[in-house]
C-alpha atoms as a PDB file:
ATOM      1  CA  MET A   1      -4.593  56.889 -80.277  1.00  0.00           C
ATOM      2  CA  LYS A   2      -6.279  53.501 -80.435  1.00  0.00           C
ATOM      3  CA  LYS A   3      -6.785  51.861 -83.794  1.00  0.00           C
ATOM      4  CA  ILE A   4     -10.321  51.502 -84.971  1.00  0.00           C
ATOM      5  CA  ILE A   5     -11.404  47.858 -85.459  1.00  0.00           C
ATOM      6  CA  LEU A   6     -14.619  47.922 -87.503  1.00  0.00           C
ATOM      7  CA  ASN A   7     -17.031  45.002 -87.595  1.00  0.00           C
ATOM      8  CA  THR A   8     -18.068  43.084 -90.659  1.00  0.00           C
ATOM      9  CA  ILE A   9     -20.243  40.243 -91.488  1.00  0.00           C
ATOM     10  CA  PHE A  10     -19.563  40.086 -95.318  1.00  0.00           C
ATOM     11  CA  LEU A  11     -17.596  36.827 -95.124  1.00  0.00           C
ATOM     12  CA  ALA A  12     -18.019  35.265 -98.580  1.00  0.00           C
ATOM     13  CA  ALA A  13     -17.897  38.588-100.386  1.00  0.00           C
ATOM     14  CA  LEU A  14     -14.601  39.452 -98.780  1.00  0.00           C
ATOM     15  CA  ALA A  15     -13.113  36.078 -99.411  1.00  0.00           C
ATOM     16  CA  THR A  16     -14.066  35.884-103.118  1.00  0.00           C
ATOM     17  CA  GLY A  17     -13.323  39.533-103.821  1.00  0.00           C
ATOM     18  CA  PHE A  18      -9.795  39.192-102.408  1.00  0.00           C
ATOM     19  CA  THR A  19      -8.722  36.319-104.573  1.00  0.00           C
ATOM     20  CA  GLY A  20      -8.239  38.399-107.814  1.00  0.00           C
ATOM     21  CA  CYS A  21      -6.234  41.008-106.019  1.00  0.00           C
ATOM     22  CA  LEU A  22      -3.792  38.627-104.585  1.00  0.00           C
ATOM     23  CA  LYS A  23      -3.281  36.366-107.523  1.00  0.00           C
ATOM     24  CA  ASP A  24      -3.111  39.121-109.955  1.00  0.00           C
ATOM     25  CA  THR A  25      -0.729  41.477-108.409  1.00  0.00           C
ATOM     26  CA  GLU A  26       0.782  41.275-104.813  1.00  0.00           C
ATOM     27  CA  PHE A  27       0.826  37.411-104.920  1.00  0.00           C
ATOM     28  CA  GLU A  28       2.594  37.022-108.107  1.00  0.00           C
ATOM     29  CA  GLU A  29       5.099  39.808-107.142  1.00  0.00           C
ATOM     30  CA  HIS A  30       5.691  37.803-104.024  1.00  0.00           C
ATOM     31  CA  GLN A  31       4.496  40.511-101.598  1.00  0.00           C
ATOM     32  CA  TYR A  32       2.114  37.947-100.219  1.00  0.00           C
ATOM     33  CA  GLY A  33       1.843  34.203-100.122  1.00  0.00           C
ATOM     34  CA  ILE A  34       5.112  32.165-101.206  1.00  0.00           C
ATOM     35  CA  ASN A  35       8.073  34.408-100.961  1.00  0.00           C
ATOM     36  CA  ASP A  36      10.088  32.201-103.158  1.00  0.00           C
ATOM     37  CA  PRO A  37       9.918  32.992-106.920  1.00  0.00           C
ATOM     38  CA  ASP A  38      11.211  29.404-107.676  1.00  0.00           C
ATOM     39  CA  ASN A  39       8.409  27.782-105.759  1.00  0.00           C
ATOM     40  CA  SER A  40       5.580  27.030-108.212  1.00  0.00           C
ATOM     41  CA  ALA A  41       3.363  25.193-105.743  1.00  0.00           C
ATOM     42  CA  PRO A  42       0.013  27.068-105.114  1.00  0.00           C
ATOM     43  CA  GLY A  43       0.041  28.715-101.649  1.00  0.00           C
ATOM     44  CA  VAL A  44      -2.619  28.159 -99.096  1.00  0.00           C
ATOM     45  CA  GLY A  45      -3.485  30.601 -96.400  1.00  0.00           C
ATOM     46  CA  PHE A  46      -5.858  33.213 -95.014  1.00  0.00           C
ATOM     47  CA  PRO A  47      -6.750  36.174 -97.326  1.00  0.00           C
ATOM     48  CA  TRP A  48      -7.663  38.235 -94.306  1.00  0.00           C
ATOM     49  CA  ALA A  49      -4.115  37.901 -92.951  1.00  0.00           C
ATOM     50  CA  SER A  50      -2.878  40.667 -95.368  1.00  0.00           C
ATOM     51  CA  SER A  51      -4.663  43.322 -93.165  1.00  0.00           C
ATOM     52  CA  PRO A  52      -2.929  44.169 -89.936  1.00  0.00           C
ATOM     53  CA  ASP A  53      -6.335  44.379 -88.130  1.00  0.00           C
ATOM     54  CA  PRO A  54      -8.469  41.411 -87.097  1.00  0.00           C
ATOM     55  CA  ARG A  55     -11.774  40.814 -88.613  1.00  0.00           C
ATOM     56  CA  ILE A  56     -14.691  41.225 -86.348  1.00  0.00           C
ATOM     57  CA  ILE A  57     -17.863  39.122 -86.629  1.00  0.00           C
ATOM     58  CA  SER A  58     -20.971  40.634 -85.031  1.00  0.00           C
ATOM     59  CA  LEU A  59     -23.537  38.300 -83.528  1.00  0.00           C
ATOM     60  CA  ASN A  60     -27.144  38.906 -82.404  1.00  0.00           C
ATOM     61  CA  PRO A  61     -27.756  38.822 -78.690  1.00  0.00           C
ATOM     62  CA  GLY A  62     -29.573  35.702 -77.630  1.00  0.00           C
ATOM     63  CA  THR A  63     -29.462  32.104 -76.289  1.00  0.00           C
ATOM     64  CA  SER A  64     -29.702  30.271 -79.615  1.00  0.00           C
ATOM     65  CA  THR A  65     -26.642  28.818 -81.311  1.00  0.00           C
ATOM     66  CA  GLN A  66     -25.113  31.026 -83.964  1.00  0.00           C
ATOM     67  CA  LEU A  67     -22.796  29.841 -86.638  1.00  0.00           C
ATOM     68  CA  VAL A  68     -19.666  31.785 -87.497  1.00  0.00           C
ATOM     69  CA  GLU A  69     -18.108  30.858 -90.758  1.00  0.00           C
ATOM     70  CA  ALA A  70     -14.670  32.277 -90.413  1.00  0.00           C
ATOM     71  CA  PRO A  71     -11.823  32.416 -91.047  1.00  0.00           C
ATOM     72  CA  THR A  72     -11.718  31.630 -94.718  1.00  0.00           C
ATOM     73  CA  VAL A  73      -8.973  29.431 -96.087  1.00  0.00           C
ATOM     74  CA  GLU A  74      -7.999  30.038 -99.737  1.00  0.00           C
ATOM     75  CA  ILE A  75      -5.819  28.654-102.535  1.00  0.00           C
ATOM     76  CA  PHE A  76      -3.993  31.667-104.029  1.00  0.00           C
ATOM     77  CA  THR A  77      -4.072  30.654-107.590  1.00  0.00           C
ATOM     78  CA  GLY A  78      -6.374  31.274-110.519  1.00  0.00           C
ATOM     79  CA  ASP A  79      -7.168  27.543-110.769  1.00  0.00           C
ATOM     80  CA  PRO A  80      -9.757  25.945-108.469  1.00  0.00           C
ATOM     81  CA  ALA A  81      -8.967  22.844-106.583  1.00  0.00           C
ATOM     82  CA  PRO A  82      -8.871  19.779-108.807  1.00  0.00           C
ATOM     83  CA  GLN A  83      -9.986  17.689-105.915  1.00  0.00           C
ATOM     84  CA  ASP A  84     -11.061  18.142-102.373  1.00  0.00           C
ATOM     85  CA  LEU A  85      -8.328  19.928-100.585  1.00  0.00           C
ATOM     86  CA  HIS A  86      -7.899  19.402 -96.763  1.00  0.00           C
ATOM     87  CA  VAL A  87      -6.268  22.066 -94.724  1.00  0.00           C
ATOM     88  CA  ASN A  88      -5.439  21.649 -91.086  1.00  0.00           C
ATOM     89  CA  LEU A  89      -5.631  24.590 -88.808  1.00  0.00           C
ATOM     90  CA  VAL A  90      -4.559  24.945 -85.169  1.00  0.00           C
ATOM     91  CA  LEU A  91      -5.587  27.443 -82.464  1.00  0.00           C
ATOM     92  CA  ASN A  92      -2.907  29.833 -81.676  1.00  0.00           C
ATOM     93  CA  PRO A  93      -3.661  32.030 -78.675  1.00  0.00           C
ATOM     94  CA  ALA A  94      -0.272  33.612 -78.951  1.00  0.00           C
ATOM     95  CA  LEU A  95      -1.556  35.674 -81.796  1.00  0.00           C
ATOM     96  CA  ILE A  96      -4.048  37.364 -79.342  1.00  0.00           C
ATOM     97  CA  ALA A  97      -1.463  37.981 -76.720  1.00  0.00           C
ATOM     98  CA  ALA A  98       0.823  39.631 -79.480  1.00  0.00           C
ATOM     99  CA  HIS A  99      -1.960  41.855 -80.514  1.00  0.00           C
ATOM    100  CA  ASN A 100      -2.863  42.841 -77.031  1.00  0.00           C
ATOM    101  CA  SER A 101       0.743  43.797 -76.287  1.00  0.00           C
ATOM    102  CA  ASP A 102       0.600  46.674 -78.738  1.00  0.00           C
ATOM    103  CA  PRO A 103      -0.713  49.671 -76.772  1.00  0.00           C
ATOM    104  CA  ASP A 104      -2.341  51.137 -79.976  1.00  0.00           C
ATOM    105  CA  ASN A 105      -4.542  48.186 -80.342  1.00  0.00           C
ATOM    106  CA  ASP A 106      -8.106  47.680 -78.994  1.00  0.00           C
ATOM    107  CA  SER A 107      -7.909  44.610 -76.678  1.00  0.00           C
ATOM    108  CA  ILE A 108      -9.321  41.232 -77.758  1.00  0.00           C
ATOM    109  CA  PHE A 109     -10.495  38.915 -74.933  1.00  0.00           C
ATOM    110  CA  LEU A 110      -9.698  35.144 -75.687  1.00  0.00           C
ATOM    111  CA  LEU A 111     -12.781  33.075 -76.011  1.00  0.00           C
ATOM    112  CA  THR A 112     -12.996  30.406 -73.371  1.00  0.00           C
ATOM    113  CA  PRO A 113     -13.975  26.686 -74.332  1.00  0.00           C
ATOM    114  CA  GLY A 114     -17.530  27.185 -73.043  1.00  0.00           C
ATOM    115  CA  GLN A 115     -18.079  30.143 -75.221  1.00  0.00           C
ATOM    116  CA  TYR A 116     -17.608  28.238 -78.556  1.00  0.00           C
ATOM    117  CA  SER A 117     -17.107  24.922 -80.181  1.00  0.00           C
ATOM    118  CA  ILE A 118     -15.411  23.981 -83.452  1.00  0.00           C
ATOM    119  CA  PRO A 119     -16.562  20.688 -85.007  1.00  0.00           C
ATOM    120  CA  SER A 120     -13.244  20.231 -86.842  1.00  0.00           C
ATOM    121  CA  LEU A 121      -9.972  22.318 -87.313  1.00  0.00           C
ATOM    122  CA  LYS A 122      -9.787  20.483 -90.782  1.00  0.00           C
ATOM    123  CA  VAL A 123     -11.148  22.786 -93.522  1.00  0.00           C
ATOM    124  CA  THR A 124     -12.088  21.199 -96.795  1.00  0.00           C
ATOM    125  CA  VAL A 125     -11.867  23.301 -99.923  1.00  0.00           C
ATOM    126  CA  PRO A 126     -14.203  21.438-102.232  1.00  0.00           C
ATOM    127  CA  LYS A 127     -13.295  20.441-105.665  1.00  0.00           C
ATOM    128  CA  GLY A 128     -13.988  23.253-108.195  1.00  0.00           C
ATOM    129  CA  SER A 129     -13.434  25.919-105.536  1.00  0.00           C
ATOM    130  CA  ARG A 130     -10.602  28.046-104.200  1.00  0.00           C
ATOM    131  CA  TRP A 131     -11.927  28.709-100.719  1.00  0.00           C
ATOM    132  CA  ALA A 132     -13.827  27.375 -97.695  1.00  0.00           C
ATOM    133  CA  PRO A 133     -14.454  28.770 -94.236  1.00  0.00           C
ATOM    134  CA  LEU A 134     -13.989  27.245 -90.853  1.00  0.00           C
ATOM    135  CA  LYS A 135     -17.090  26.635 -88.868  1.00  0.00           C
ATOM    136  CA  ILE A 136     -17.349  27.842 -85.323  1.00  0.00           C
ATOM    137  CA  ASN A 137     -20.486  27.434 -83.217  1.00  0.00           C
ATOM    138  CA  VAL A 138     -21.448  29.982 -80.450  1.00  0.00           C
ATOM    139  CA  PRO A 139     -24.123  28.460 -78.235  1.00  0.00           C
ATOM    140  CA  THR A 140     -25.206  31.669 -76.536  1.00  0.00           C
ATOM    141  CA  THR A 141     -24.080  35.349 -76.236  1.00  0.00           C
ATOM    142  CA  ALA A 142     -25.811  35.694 -72.940  1.00  0.00           C
ATOM    143  CA  GLY A 143     -22.592  36.003 -71.052  1.00  0.00           C
ATOM    144  CA  PHE A 144     -20.804  38.395 -73.523  1.00  0.00           C
ATOM    145  CA  ASP A 145     -20.099  42.005 -72.726  1.00  0.00           C
ATOM    146  CA  PHE A 146     -21.262  44.445 -75.288  1.00  0.00           C
ATOM    147  CA  SER A 147     -18.227  46.582 -74.781  1.00  0.00           C
ATOM    148  CA  LYS A 148     -15.746  43.750 -75.479  1.00  0.00           C
ATOM    149  CA  VAL A 149     -14.338  42.075 -78.509  1.00  0.00           C
ATOM    150  CA  TYR A 150     -13.619  38.358 -78.136  1.00  0.00           C
ATOM    151  CA  GLY A 151     -11.426  36.138 -80.315  1.00  0.00           C
ATOM    152  CA  LEU A 152      -9.433  33.247 -81.498  1.00  0.00           C
ATOM    153  CA  GLY A 153      -6.100  33.014 -83.193  1.00  0.00           C
ATOM    154  CA  PHE A 154      -5.600  30.428 -85.974  1.00  0.00           C
ATOM    155  CA  THR A 155      -2.670  29.196 -87.986  1.00  0.00           C
ATOM    156  CA  VAL A 156      -2.527  27.041 -91.058  1.00  0.00           C
ATOM    157  CA  GLN A 157      -0.408  24.056 -90.077  1.00  0.00           C
ATOM    158  CA  SER A 158      -0.472  21.682 -93.059  1.00  0.00           C
ATOM    159  CA  VAL A 159      -2.279  20.536 -96.197  1.00  0.00           C
ATOM    160  CA  ASP A 160      -2.980  16.986 -96.598  1.00  0.00           C
ATOM    161  CA  GLU A 161      -2.769  16.650-100.376  1.00  0.00           C
ATOM    162  CA  PRO A 162       0.831  17.120-101.950  1.00  0.00           C
ATOM    163  CA  GLY A 163       1.650  19.845-104.357  1.00  0.00           C
ATOM    164  CA  TYR A 164       0.619  22.845-102.151  1.00  0.00           C
ATOM    165  CA  ALA A 165       2.816  25.176 -99.985  1.00  0.00           C
ATOM    166  CA  LEU A 166       1.892  27.219 -96.921  1.00  0.00           C
ATOM    167  CA  ALA A 167       1.783  30.843 -97.532  1.00  0.00           C
ATOM    168  CA  ASP A 168       4.085  31.863 -94.687  1.00  0.00           C
ATOM    169  CA  ASN A 169       2.949  35.498 -94.411  1.00  0.00           C
ATOM    170  CA  LEU A 170      -0.696  34.581 -94.726  1.00  0.00           C
ATOM    171  CA  LYS A 171      -0.860  31.710 -92.293  1.00  0.00           C
ATOM    172  CA  ASN A 172      -1.890  33.485 -89.173  1.00  0.00           C
ATOM    173  CA  VAL A 173      -5.142  35.329 -88.454  1.00  0.00           C
ATOM    174  CA  ILE A 174      -7.234  36.508 -85.576  1.00  0.00           C
ATOM    175  CA  VAL A 175     -11.026  36.251 -85.762  1.00  0.00           C
ATOM    176  CA  GLY A 176     -12.843  38.589 -83.380  1.00  0.00           C
ATOM    177  CA  ILE A 177     -16.403  38.112 -82.141  1.00  0.00           C
ATOM    178  CA  ASN A 178     -18.710  40.836 -80.517  1.00  0.00           C
ATOM    179  CA  VAL A 179     -22.461  41.210 -79.744  1.00  0.00           C
ATOM    180  CA  LYS A 180     -24.462  43.783 -81.577  1.00  0.00           C
ATOM    181  CA  ASN A 181     -26.577  46.266 -79.862  1.00  0.00           C
ATOM    182  CA  GLN A 182     -29.999  47.331 -81.053  1.00  0.00           C
ATOM    183  CA  TYR A 183     -28.687  50.099 -83.311  1.00  0.00           C
ATOM    184  CA  ASP A 184     -25.812  48.177 -84.979  1.00  0.00           C
ATOM    185  CA  ALA A 185     -26.699  47.933 -88.617  1.00  0.00           C
ATOM    186  CA  GLU A 186     -26.225  49.321 -92.101  1.00  0.00           C
ATOM    187  CA  TYR A 187     -27.696  52.667 -92.878  1.00  0.00           C
ATOM    188  CA  ARG A 188     -28.350  54.912 -95.890  1.00  0.00           C
ATOM    189  CA  THR A 189     -26.804  58.216 -95.062  1.00  0.00           C
ATOM    190  CA  THR A 190     -27.463  61.625 -96.774  1.00  0.00           C
ATOM    191  CA  GLY A 191     -26.826  65.200 -95.959  1.00  0.00           C
ATOM    192  CA  TYR A 192     -24.104  67.900 -96.432  1.00  0.00           C
ATOM    193  CA  PHE A 193     -20.619  68.452 -95.233  1.00  0.00           C
ATOM    194  CA  PHE A 194     -19.863  72.271 -94.822  1.00  0.00           C
ATOM    195  CA  HIS A 195     -16.107  72.662 -95.173  1.00  0.00           C
ATOM    196  CA  PRO A 196     -14.004  75.739 -96.018  1.00  0.00           C
ATOM    197  CA  SER A 197     -12.223  74.306 -98.853  1.00  0.00           C
ATOM    198  CA  SER A 198     -14.228  71.377-100.012  1.00  0.00           C
ATOM    199  CA  PRO A 199     -17.950  71.576 -99.239  1.00  0.00           C
ATOM    200  CA  ARG A 200     -20.015  68.618-100.527  1.00  0.00           C
ATOM    201  CA  ALA A 201     -23.137  66.637-100.413  1.00  0.00           C
ATOM    202  CA  LEU A 202     -23.063  63.379 -98.530  1.00  0.00           C
ATOM    203  CA  ASP A 203     -24.767  60.229 -99.907  1.00  0.00           C
ATOM    204  CA  ASP A 204     -23.469  56.851 -98.724  1.00  0.00           C
ATOM    205  CA  HIS A 205     -24.150  53.436 -97.084  1.00  0.00           C
ATOM    206  CA  LYS A 206     -22.362  53.198 -93.735  1.00  0.00           C
ATOM    207  CA  ARG A 207     -22.247  50.914 -90.667  1.00  0.00           C
ATOM    208  CA  LEU A 208     -22.920  51.860 -87.044  1.00  0.00           C
ATOM    209  CA  ALA A 209     -20.839  49.298 -85.052  1.00  0.00           C
ATOM    210  CA  THR A 210     -21.301  48.406 -81.483  1.00  0.00           C
ATOM    211  CA  LYS A 211     -19.133  49.864 -78.820  1.00  0.00           C
ATOM    212  CA  SER A 212     -21.376  49.075 -75.804  1.00  0.00           C
ATOM    213  CA  ALA A 213     -24.990  48.320 -74.964  1.00  0.00           C
ATOM    214  CA  THR A 214     -25.898  51.849 -75.950  1.00  0.00           C
ATOM    215  CA  GLY A 215     -22.618  52.964 -77.471  1.00  0.00           C
ATOM    216  CA  LEU A 216     -21.622  53.054 -81.240  1.00  0.00           C
ATOM    217  CA  ILE A 217     -18.684  53.804 -83.497  1.00  0.00           C
ATOM    218  CA  ALA A 218     -19.582  55.838 -86.481  1.00  0.00           C
ATOM    219  CA  PRO A 219     -17.656  56.780 -89.617  1.00  0.00           C
ATOM    220  CA  LEU A 220     -17.349  60.547 -89.863  1.00  0.00           C
ATOM    221  CA  ALA A 221     -19.103  62.114 -92.969  1.00  0.00           C
ATOM    222  CA  ASP A 222     -17.133  60.592 -96.014  1.00  0.00           C
ATOM    223  CA  LEU A 223     -13.708  60.763 -94.350  1.00  0.00           C
ATOM    224  CA  TYR A 224     -13.646  57.145 -92.899  1.00  0.00           C
ATOM    225  CA  GLY A 225     -11.191  56.200 -95.601  1.00  0.00           C
ATOM    226  CA  SER A 226      -8.727  58.495 -93.977  1.00  0.00           C
ATOM    227  CA  ASP A 227      -9.558  56.965 -90.425  1.00  0.00           C
ATOM    228  CA  TYR A 228     -11.906  59.609 -89.215  1.00  0.00           C
ATOM    229  CA  TYR A 229     -14.490  58.056 -86.814  1.00  0.00           C
ATOM    230  CA  PHE A 230     -16.410  59.110 -83.641  1.00  0.00           C
ATOM    231  CA  GLU A 231     -18.081  57.350 -80.714  1.00  0.00           C
ATOM    232  CA  PHE A 232     -21.449  58.258 -79.141  1.00  0.00           C
ATOM    233  CA  ASP A 233     -24.108  56.906 -76.974  1.00  0.00           C
ATOM    234  CA  VAL A 234     -27.943  56.837 -77.374  1.00  0.00           C
ATOM    235  CA  SER A 235     -29.506  58.165 -74.148  1.00  0.00           C
ATOM    236  CA  PRO A 236     -32.747  56.639 -72.647  1.00  0.00           C
ATOM    237  CA  THR A 237     -34.618  59.704 -74.172  1.00  0.00           C
ATOM    238  CA  ASN A 238     -33.068  58.913 -77.670  1.00  0.00           C
ATOM    239  CA  THR A 239     -30.760  61.834 -77.666  1.00  0.00           C
ATOM    240  CA  LEU A 240     -27.183  61.457 -78.869  1.00  0.00           C
ATOM    241  CA  ILE A 241     -24.601  62.150 -76.211  1.00  0.00           C
ATOM    242  CA  ASN A 242     -20.954  61.377 -75.168  1.00  0.00           C
ATOM    243  CA  TRP A 243     -19.213  62.205 -78.335  1.00  0.00           C
ATOM    244  CA  VAL A 244     -15.608  60.988 -78.452  1.00  0.00           C
ATOM    245  CA  ALA A 245     -13.181  61.511 -81.477  1.00  0.00           C
ATOM    246  CA  ARG A 246     -11.625  58.363 -82.656  1.00  0.00           C
ATOM    247  CA  GLY A 247      -8.861  57.660 -85.274  1.00  0.00           C
ATOM    248  CA  ALA A 248      -7.742  60.765 -87.158  1.00  0.00           C
ATOM    249  CA  THR A 249     -10.594  62.969 -85.940  1.00  0.00           C
ATOM    250  CA  ASN A 250      -9.441  66.153 -84.154  1.00  0.00           C
ATOM    251  CA  PRO A 251     -10.296  65.527 -80.410  1.00  0.00           C
ATOM    252  CA  GLY A 252     -10.187  69.217 -79.576  1.00  0.00           C
ATOM    253  CA  THR A 253     -12.713  71.127 -77.655  1.00  0.00           C
ATOM    254  CA  GLY A 254     -14.188  72.394 -80.863  1.00  0.00           C
ATOM    255  CA  SER A 255     -15.333  68.845 -81.878  1.00  0.00           C
ATOM    256  CA  GLY A 256     -18.552  67.036 -81.132  1.00  0.00           C
ATOM    257  CA  PHE A 257     -22.366  67.172 -81.459  1.00  0.00           C
ATOM    258  CA  PHE A 258     -23.655  70.749 -82.197  1.00  0.00           C
ATOM    259  CA  THR A 259     -26.308  72.349 -80.021  1.00  0.00           C
ATOM    260  CA  ALA A 260     -27.250  74.995 -82.554  1.00  0.00           C
ATOM    261  CA  ASP A 261     -26.566  76.146 -86.146  1.00  0.00           C
ATOM    262  CA  VAL A 262     -23.155  77.760 -86.266  1.00  0.00           C
ATOM    263  CA  PRO A 263     -23.010  79.824 -89.456  1.00  0.00           C
ATOM    264  CA  ASN A 264     -20.096  82.019 -88.493  1.00  0.00           C
ATOM    265  CA  PRO A 265     -17.664  80.029 -86.645  1.00  0.00           C
ATOM    266  CA  GLY A 266     -14.830  82.216 -85.132  1.00  0.00           C
ATOM    267  CA  GLY A 267     -16.641  85.275 -86.390  1.00  0.00           C
ATOM    268  CA  LEU A 268     -15.878  84.269 -90.022  1.00  0.00           C
ATOM    269  CA  ASN A 269     -18.000  82.695 -92.751  1.00  0.00           C
ATOM    270  CA  PRO A 270     -15.624  80.287 -94.595  1.00  0.00           C
ATOM    271  CA  TYR A 271     -18.244  78.073 -96.125  1.00  0.00           C
ATOM    272  CA  PRO A 272     -19.250  78.046 -99.723  1.00  0.00           C
ATOM    273  CA  SER A 273     -22.904  77.389 -99.812  1.00  0.00           C
ATOM    274  CA  ALA A 274     -24.926  74.302-100.595  1.00  0.00           C
ATOM    275  CA  GLY A 275     -27.319  75.583-103.345  1.00  0.00           C
ATOM    276  CA  GLY A 276     -26.720  79.207-101.889  1.00  0.00           C
ATOM    277  CA  GLU A 277     -27.499  77.914 -98.344  1.00  0.00           C
ATOM    278  CA  PHE A 278     -25.340  78.295 -95.382  1.00  0.00           C
ATOM    279  CA  PRO A 279     -25.655  76.352 -91.945  1.00  0.00           C
ATOM    280  CA  GLY A 280     -28.965  77.303 -90.444  1.00  0.00           C
ATOM    281  CA  GLN A 281     -30.527  78.169 -93.800  1.00  0.00           C
ATOM    282  CA  GLY A 282     -32.932  76.214 -95.970  1.00  0.00           C
ATOM    283  CA  GLN A 283     -32.911  72.464 -95.083  1.00  0.00           C
ATOM    284  CA  TRP A 284     -29.787  72.538 -93.151  1.00  0.00           C
ATOM    285  CA  LYS A 285     -31.226  73.452 -89.752  1.00  0.00           C
ATOM    286  CA  HIS A 286     -30.311  71.996 -86.304  1.00  0.00           C
ATOM    287  CA  SER A 287     -34.063  71.949 -85.538  1.00  0.00           C
ATOM    288  CA  THR A 288     -34.371  69.029 -88.011  1.00  0.00           C
ATOM    289  CA  TYR A 289     -30.778  67.534 -87.612  1.00  0.00           C
ATOM    290  CA  ASN A 290     -31.062  67.695 -83.807  1.00  0.00           C
ATOM    291  CA  ASN A 291     -28.886  64.679 -82.680  1.00  0.00           C
ATOM    292  CA  THR A 292     -31.640  62.440 -81.964  1.00  0.00           C
ATOM    293  CA  TYR A 293     -32.829  58.885 -82.776  1.00  0.00           C
ATOM    294  CA  ASN A 294     -36.330  58.020 -83.845  1.00  0.00           C
ATOM    295  CA  PRO A 295     -36.934  54.343 -82.892  1.00  0.00           C
ATOM    296  CA  SER A 296     -40.215  54.174 -84.975  1.00  0.00           C
ATOM    297  CA  THR A 297     -38.398  54.958 -88.293  1.00  0.00           C
ATOM    298  CA  LYS A 298     -35.017  53.653 -87.056  1.00  0.00           C
ATOM    299  CA  THR A 299     -33.541  57.053 -88.164  1.00  0.00           C
ATOM    300  CA  PHE A 300     -30.722  59.092 -86.757  1.00  0.00           C
ATOM    301  CA  TRP A 301     -30.602  62.780 -87.221  1.00  0.00           C
ATOM    302  CA  MET A 302     -27.071  64.168 -86.605  1.00  0.00           C
ATOM    303  CA  HIS A 303     -25.517  67.530 -86.681  1.00  0.00           C
ATOM    304  CA  TYR A 304     -21.798  67.325 -85.693  1.00  0.00           C
ATOM    305  CA  GLY A 305     -18.383  68.691 -86.615  1.00  0.00           C
ATOM    306  CA  TYR A 306     -14.742  69.000 -85.682  1.00  0.00           C
ATOM    307  CA  ASN A 307     -12.464  72.040 -85.387  1.00  0.00           C
ATOM    308  CA  GLY A 308      -9.930  73.037 -87.964  1.00  0.00           C
ATOM    309  CA  ALA A 309      -7.154  75.443 -87.086  1.00  0.00           C
ATOM    310  CA  PRO A 310      -7.211  78.446 -86.823  1.00  0.00           C
ATOM    311  CA  GLN A 311     -10.912  78.550 -86.497  1.00  0.00           C
ATOM    312  CA  SER A 312     -13.050  76.160 -84.539  1.00  0.00           C
ATOM    313  CA  TRP A 313     -16.271  74.561 -85.627  1.00  0.00           C
ATOM    314  CA  THR A 314     -15.297  75.087 -89.294  1.00  0.00           C
ATOM    315  CA  ARG A 315     -16.307  71.426 -90.404  1.00  0.00           C
ATOM    316  CA  GLN A 316     -19.968  70.777 -89.990  1.00  0.00           C
ATOM    317  CA  ALA A 317     -21.917  67.637 -91.105  1.00  0.00           C
ATOM    318  CA  TYR A 318     -25.740  67.616 -91.295  1.00  0.00           C
ATOM    319  CA  GLU A 319     -26.490  63.908 -91.794  1.00  0.00           C
ATOM    320  CA  LYS A 320     -29.483  61.643 -91.838  1.00  0.00           C
ATOM    321  CA  TRP A 321     -29.049  57.854 -91.167  1.00  0.00           C
ATOM    322  CA  VAL A 322     -31.942  55.467 -92.210  1.00  0.00           C
ATOM    323  CA  ARG A 323     -31.611  51.861 -91.247  1.00  0.00           C
ATOM    324  CA  GLU A 324     -31.474  49.622 -94.220  1.00  0.00           C
END
């Protein structure tokens, strides 16, 4: 099963939010950064490198130059830089080749020189700060394929100023770039998850990520933390089609978009009610959650589920997605 690579644009938040985690726990315990307890020099590297998956930056379609501020270089210490710190990076295409050699990974296509420009591979962490991003210019996304993720590999090579050490297991990172389709955005999601052992209301903020010009990757209910996702397409008539289970989602024939309310899957009624209601009762009706997209309100109405042995269709989600 292919790993899910989710898109993200929260660069600064991720970079600053990661610092405390590394310096307070894993870094000081030498799980990350400098794996030498006797080395007191602050480590320098990429905070994203602690994740096995590349970070994906989503760009808007168009012919205007867009700036990608990634990857972020960080000093793994509680103290900010006492002076400007100059960190030298190098392009490392071997990282992309190694990623693509794993059959469990989604492929990343190496960006060609005409698809990007980098003013300088020297990143300056300013005095009083602990991090700074590399700047990559993408002059146009006109030639990009919506269904592909493009990328570059980077390695921290050196630091100009003395007194710093390279964080060996945080020195390599892949930054991916893709182009967003018209539906790719953050959504407020509400609804209900009918489940035989753990029924519950759904209230969340989730991202629909581009898979193709009309295709999306969606987190399934509130189970995305356990790698439950699905893919689908928006048809020319704004109906939701082509369900595909991804990640840990059961891919069996009892999984997908529903075509009607199913209150008694397998001849049983395993659902504790939501306020006394079962699927097809009260507000939980397929006539409302009818697997369509309303372009005027930018709202998805979804009714989907996956099978749970020994019955099928025993997990049902009625979910409304409103673009934020």
